[in-house]
Amino acid sequence: MKKGAPRGTPADLTYGSYLKLHPLLSLQEPLSRPASHDEMQFIVVHQAFELWFKLMLYEIDALFRLFEAKDVREAERLFRRLNRIVEVLIKHLEVIETMVPSDFVTFRDLLKPASGFQSWQFREIEYAGGVRDPRYLGLFKDQPDALARLQARLEAPTLWDGFARMLRALGFKAADIAAVARIYKDSRFHDLRMLCEAMIEYDELFQLWREHHVRMAERMIGGKPGTGQEAVRYALGEAGPMGAHGVEYLRTTLDKRFFPVLWDARTAM
């Protein structure tokens, strides 16, 4: 063991071994032959999305524990962290937008039938936030681990449920528009007001991410169907927006909100 190293620390610990850089950096495997230059950035950005999603779920699970402990200030801090992560996700879309459509088409067809629809971590984030469509479970029939995770999220309380339970534990009769208006108007509830502001910022930023994603997709593929369209149609059916193509479907997601009570309370104040 190195002198001064904490007990249990490997003697040969390095930056690379701690972060598992050798396996991490070996996971980018373009499919195009000859190699399309832009495929590498496409893979890296989407792998980065999944790493950020992992951290978001880690913080979301911590938020449920903080709500249970009635720790308002720490809950606000972690929501602020989620907000900064979503801002990073938006910036990642700008990296994809440095690609031009004629370069994307050189490898896009190789991705079929893979699709961002199949990101179970993203669906977990939606489910935890309260945007819950059980039809997405059909995309994971052949992935039992992912399906189990999504079913657990679907059956568990939402972030708003956890917040509402905390409000009742703090003496509020309900987590409704009147309660939120009271929090904003009464200076005694400053910490709760700041938490509400962090929560609505999270909701707002997530909507901005969706909006930017729609524009990015339209910029890249126009009116083409998504790469996983057939798998999506098979799993979700043809009816309604789930039968829509590519950008057309993405536009149907723009009105999804995690905390509608926080938005509605603005009108009541």
Protein backbone atom coordinates (compact mmCIF):
# COMPACT_ATOMS: atom_id res chain seq x y z
CA MET A 1 0.00 0.00 0.00
CA LYS A 2 1.24 3.48 -0.80
CA LYS A 3 2.32 5.54 2.21
CA GLY A 4 -0.58 7.66 3.39
CA ALA A 5 -3.14 5.85 1.24
CA PRO A 6 -6.48 5.01 2.89
CA ARG A 7 -6.77 1.45 4.17
CA GLY A 8 -8.03 -0.85 1.43
CA THR A 9 -6.70 1.30 -1.41
CA PRO A 10 -4.81 -0.80 -4.02
CA ALA A 11 -1.09 -0.03 -4.02
CA ASP A 12 -1.09 0.40 -7.79
CA LEU A 13 -4.21 2.58 -8.04
CA THR A 14 -4.02 5.11 -10.88
CA TYR A 15 -6.37 7.56 -12.53
CA GLY A 16 -6.93 5.09 -15.35
CA SER A 17 -7.52 2.06 -13.15
CA TYR A 18 -9.87 3.96 -10.82
CA LEU A 19 -12.03 5.10 -13.77
CA LYS A 20 -11.65 1.79 -15.65
CA LEU A 21 -10.46 3.73 -18.67
CA HIS A 22 -9.16 0.78 -20.67
CA PRO A 23 -12.55 -1.01 -20.82
CA LEU A 24 -14.43 2.29 -21.08
CA LEU A 25 -12.45 3.53 -24.05
CA SER A 26 -12.70 0.17 -25.82
CA LEU A 27 -16.50 0.35 -26.04
CA GLN A 28 -16.71 2.62 -29.10
CA GLU A 29 -17.06 0.29 -32.10
CA PRO A 30 -18.31 1.92 -35.32
CA LEU A 31 -20.16 -0.37 -37.74
CA SER A 32 -19.54 1.46 -41.00
CA ARG A 33 -17.08 0.01 -43.54
CA PRO A 34 -15.25 2.00 -44.71
CA ALA A 35 -15.49 3.94 -41.48
CA SER A 36 -17.71 7.03 -41.53
CA HIS A 37 -15.91 9.81 -39.72
CA ASP A 38 -19.01 11.05 -37.83
CA GLU A 39 -20.07 7.68 -36.48
CA MET A 40 -17.53 7.90 -33.64
CA GLN A 41 -18.97 11.15 -32.27
CA PHE A 42 -22.48 9.71 -32.61
CA ILE A 43 -21.52 6.72 -30.46
CA VAL A 44 -19.60 8.76 -27.88
CA VAL A 45 -22.41 11.29 -27.42
CA HIS A 46 -25.03 8.59 -26.93
CA GLN A 47 -22.84 6.63 -24.52
CA ALA A 48 -22.32 9.88 -22.62
CA PHE A 49 -26.11 10.33 -22.50
CA GLU A 50 -26.43 6.94 -20.84
CA LEU A 51 -23.75 7.76 -18.25
CA TRP A 52 -25.54 10.99 -17.37
CA PHE A 53 -28.85 9.10 -17.22
CA LYS A 54 -27.23 6.71 -14.73
CA LEU A 55 -26.22 9.63 -12.52
CA MET A 56 -29.67 11.19 -12.83
CA LEU A 57 -31.32 7.99 -11.61
CA TYR A 58 -28.81 7.81 -8.75
CA GLU A 59 -29.78 11.33 -7.67
CA ILE A 60 -33.50 10.67 -8.19
CA ASP A 61 -33.33 7.69 -5.85
CA ALA A 62 -31.53 9.89 -3.30
CA LEU A 63 -34.31 12.48 -3.61
CA PHE A 64 -36.91 9.95 -2.51
CA ARG A 65 -34.87 9.33 0.65
CA LEU A 66 -34.51 13.07 1.27
CA PHE A 67 -38.24 13.60 0.92
CA GLU A 68 -38.80 10.83 3.46
CA ALA A 69 -36.30 12.52 5.82
CA LYS A 70 -37.96 15.94 5.24
CA ASP A 71 -34.57 17.35 4.20
CA VAL A 72 -35.79 20.24 2.07
CA ARG A 73 -32.45 21.99 1.56
CA GLU A 74 -30.57 18.88 0.44
CA ALA A 75 -33.44 17.96 -1.89
CA GLU A 76 -33.15 21.39 -3.49
CA ARG A 77 -29.40 20.91 -3.93
CA LEU A 78 -29.85 17.59 -5.73
CA PHE A 79 -32.56 19.02 -7.98
CA ARG A 80 -30.12 21.79 -8.89
CA ARG A 81 -27.62 19.07 -9.80
CA LEU A 82 -30.21 17.36 -12.01
CA ASN A 83 -30.81 20.71 -13.69
CA ARG A 84 -27.14 21.16 -14.51
CA ILE A 85 -27.05 17.63 -15.93
CA VAL A 86 -30.01 18.31 -18.22
CA GLU A 87 -28.25 21.46 -19.42
CA VAL A 88 -25.27 19.27 -20.31
CA LEU A 89 -27.58 16.92 -22.23
CA ILE A 90 -28.81 19.87 -24.26
CA LYS A 91 -25.21 20.82 -25.07
CA HIS A 92 -24.56 17.24 -26.22
CA LEU A 93 -27.26 17.71 -28.87
CA GLU A 94 -25.24 20.63 -30.20
CA VAL A 95 -22.31 18.27 -30.72
CA ILE A 96 -24.52 16.00 -32.85
CA GLU A 97 -25.60 19.07 -34.82
CA THR A 98 -22.03 19.57 -36.04
CA MET A 99 -22.78 16.59 -38.30
CA VAL A 100 -24.44 17.26 -41.65
CA PRO A 101 -27.28 15.06 -42.97
CA SER A 102 -25.26 13.76 -45.92
CA ASP A 103 -22.66 12.40 -43.48
CA PHE A 104 -25.29 10.91 -41.17
CA VAL A 105 -26.85 8.88 -43.98
CA THR A 106 -23.51 7.13 -44.61
CA PHE A 107 -24.05 5.06 -41.45
CA ARG A 108 -27.63 5.67 -40.31
CA ASP A 109 -29.15 2.62 -42.01
CA LEU A 110 -26.64 0.41 -40.18
CA LEU A 111 -28.35 1.35 -36.90
CA LYS A 112 -31.68 -0.28 -37.78
CA PRO A 113 -33.59 -1.50 -35.83
CA ALA A 114 -31.77 0.14 -32.87
CA SER A 115 -33.40 3.33 -31.62
CA GLY A 116 -33.22 5.82 -28.78
CA PHE A 117 -36.69 4.51 -27.95
CA GLN A 118 -34.88 1.54 -26.46
CA SER A 119 -33.05 3.52 -23.76
CA TRP A 120 -34.53 1.98 -20.63
CA GLN A 121 -32.71 4.50 -18.41
CA PHE A 122 -34.44 7.39 -20.18
CA ARG A 123 -37.80 5.65 -19.68
CA GLU A 124 -36.94 5.15 -16.01
CA ILE A 125 -36.31 8.90 -15.67
CA GLU A 126 -39.67 9.61 -17.31
CA TYR A 127 -41.48 7.09 -15.13
CA ALA A 128 -39.87 8.46 -11.95
CA GLY A 129 -40.93 11.95 -13.00
CA GLY A 130 -44.54 10.88 -13.51
CA VAL A 131 -44.67 10.67 -17.32
CA ARG A 132 -45.85 7.07 -17.52
CA ASP A 133 -46.93 5.18 -20.61
CA PRO A 134 -46.86 1.42 -19.90
CA ARG A 135 -46.90 0.68 -23.63
CA TYR A 136 -43.15 1.32 -23.67
CA LEU A 137 -42.71 -1.90 -21.71
CA GLY A 138 -43.40 -3.72 -24.96
CA LEU A 139 -40.04 -2.56 -26.29
CA PHE A 140 -38.23 -4.60 -23.64
CA LYS A 141 -39.99 -7.97 -23.84
CA ASP A 142 -36.70 -9.64 -24.74
CA GLN A 143 -34.65 -7.77 -22.11
CA PRO A 144 -35.83 -9.13 -18.73
CA ASP A 145 -33.48 -7.02 -16.60
CA ALA A 146 -34.53 -3.78 -18.28
CA LEU A 147 -38.19 -4.81 -18.18
CA ALA A 148 -37.97 -5.52 -14.44
CA ARG A 149 -36.41 -2.12 -13.79
CA LEU A 150 -39.11 -0.34 -15.76
CA GLN A 151 -41.93 -2.26 -14.12
CA ALA A 152 -40.51 -1.36 -10.71
CA ARG A 153 -40.39 2.34 -11.67
CA LEU A 154 -43.89 2.17 -13.05
CA GLU A 155 -45.23 0.76 -9.79
CA ALA A 156 -43.18 3.00 -7.48
CA PRO A 157 -44.17 6.50 -6.31
CA THR A 158 -43.29 9.42 -8.56
CA LEU A 159 -41.11 12.34 -7.51
CA TRP A 160 -44.27 14.38 -7.01
CA ASP A 161 -45.69 11.62 -4.79
CA GLY A 162 -42.56 11.80 -2.64
CA PHE A 163 -42.73 15.59 -2.47
CA ALA A 164 -46.44 15.45 -1.59
CA ARG A 165 -45.82 13.00 1.25
CA MET A 166 -43.15 15.31 2.61
CA LEU A 167 -45.53 18.27 2.51
CA ARG A 168 -48.15 16.33 4.46
CA ALA A 169 -45.49 15.32 6.99
CA LEU A 170 -44.63 19.00 7.36
CA GLY A 171 -48.23 19.85 8.17
CA PHE A 172 -49.82 20.65 4.82
CA LYS A 173 -53.22 19.08 4.21
CA ALA A 174 -52.49 18.37 0.55
CA ALA A 175 -49.93 19.02 -2.17
CA ASP A 176 -52.33 21.00 -4.34
CA ILE A 177 -52.39 24.41 -6.03
CA ALA A 178 -53.47 26.12 -2.80
CA ALA A 179 -50.57 24.58 -0.87
CA VAL A 180 -48.04 25.65 -3.48
CA ALA A 181 -49.47 29.18 -3.57
CA ARG A 182 -49.18 29.30 0.23
CA ILE A 183 -45.55 28.19 0.06
CA TYR A 184 -44.74 30.99 -2.37
CA LYS A 185 -46.61 33.71 -0.47
CA ASP A 186 -45.45 32.93 3.08
CA SER A 187 -41.83 33.84 3.85
CA ARG A 188 -41.69 31.13 6.53
CA PHE A 189 -41.56 28.57 3.72
CA HIS A 190 -38.54 30.03 1.95
CA ASP A 191 -36.69 26.69 1.74
CA LEU A 192 -39.74 24.95 0.31
CA ARG A 193 -40.19 27.76 -2.20
CA MET A 194 -36.62 27.35 -3.38
CA LEU A 195 -37.18 23.60 -3.69
CA CYS A 196 -40.29 24.24 -5.80
CA GLU A 197 -38.25 26.57 -8.01
CA ALA A 198 -35.58 23.90 -8.50
CA MET A 199 -38.28 21.35 -9.35
CA ILE A 200 -40.03 23.51 -11.92
CA GLU A 201 -36.65 24.36 -13.45
CA TYR A 202 -36.04 20.63 -13.85
CA ASP A 203 -39.39 20.28 -15.59
CA GLU A 204 -38.70 23.30 -17.81
CA LEU A 205 -35.20 22.16 -18.79
CA PHE A 206 -36.47 18.68 -19.62
CA GLN A 207 -39.04 20.23 -21.95
CA LEU A 208 -36.31 22.36 -23.54
CA TRP A 209 -34.26 19.19 -24.05
CA ARG A 210 -37.24 17.57 -25.80
CA GLU A 211 -37.75 20.65 -27.98
CA HIS A 212 -34.08 20.77 -28.96
CA HIS A 213 -34.15 17.02 -29.67
CA VAL A 214 -37.07 17.50 -32.06
CA ARG A 215 -35.26 20.28 -33.93
CA MET A 216 -32.02 18.31 -34.04
CA ALA A 217 -33.82 15.24 -35.41
CA GLU A 218 -35.64 17.29 -38.03
CA ARG A 219 -32.36 18.92 -39.01
CA MET A 220 -30.76 15.50 -39.47
CA ILE A 221 -33.50 13.33 -41.00
CA GLY A 222 -36.34 15.64 -42.06
CA GLY A 223 -39.54 13.62 -42.35
CA LYS A 224 -37.93 10.17 -42.49
CA PRO A 225 -39.11 7.48 -40.03
CA GLY A 226 -36.91 6.68 -37.06
CA THR A 227 -34.37 3.85 -37.32
CA GLY A 228 -36.35 1.73 -34.87
CA GLN A 229 -39.77 2.58 -36.27
CA GLU A 230 -40.81 -0.96 -37.11
CA ALA A 231 -39.81 -2.26 -33.67
CA VAL A 232 -41.68 0.61 -32.06
CA ARG A 233 -44.81 -0.02 -34.11
CA TYR A 234 -44.68 -3.72 -33.28
CA ALA A 235 -44.33 -3.06 -29.56
CA LEU A 236 -46.62 -0.06 -29.20
CA GLY A 237 -49.16 -0.47 -31.96
CA GLU A 238 -50.27 1.82 -34.76
CA ALA A 239 -52.92 3.80 -32.90
CA GLY A 240 -52.49 7.44 -32.03
CA PRO A 241 -49.12 9.21 -31.69
CA MET A 242 -47.31 5.90 -31.13
CA GLY A 243 -47.88 5.12 -34.78
CA ALA A 244 -46.28 8.39 -35.86
CA HIS A 245 -43.01 8.57 -37.74
CA GLY A 246 -39.69 10.01 -36.45
CA VAL A 247 -39.96 13.76 -35.87
CA GLU A 248 -43.77 13.57 -36.07
CA TYR A 249 -43.78 11.35 -32.99
CA LEU A 250 -41.21 13.44 -31.13
CA ARG A 251 -43.46 16.49 -31.49
CA THR A 252 -46.19 14.65 -29.55
CA THR A 253 -43.87 14.51 -26.50
CA LEU A 254 -43.42 18.27 -26.12
CA ASP A 255 -46.33 18.81 -23.73
CA LYS A 256 -45.24 16.14 -21.24
CA ARG A 257 -44.74 17.65 -17.78
CA PHE A 258 -43.55 16.14 -14.52
CA PHE A 259 -45.06 18.64 -12.06
CA PRO A 260 -48.24 20.21 -13.52
CA VAL A 261 -49.36 21.48 -10.10
CA LEU A 262 -46.32 23.74 -9.92
CA TRP A 263 -47.22 25.20 -13.31
CA ASP A 264 -50.91 25.59 -12.53
CA ALA A 265 -50.13 27.34 -9.26
CA ARG A 266 -48.66 30.25 -11.24
CA THR A 267 -52.12 31.15 -12.43
CA ALA A 268 -53.55 30.95 -8.91
CA MET A 269 -51.02 33.38 -7.41
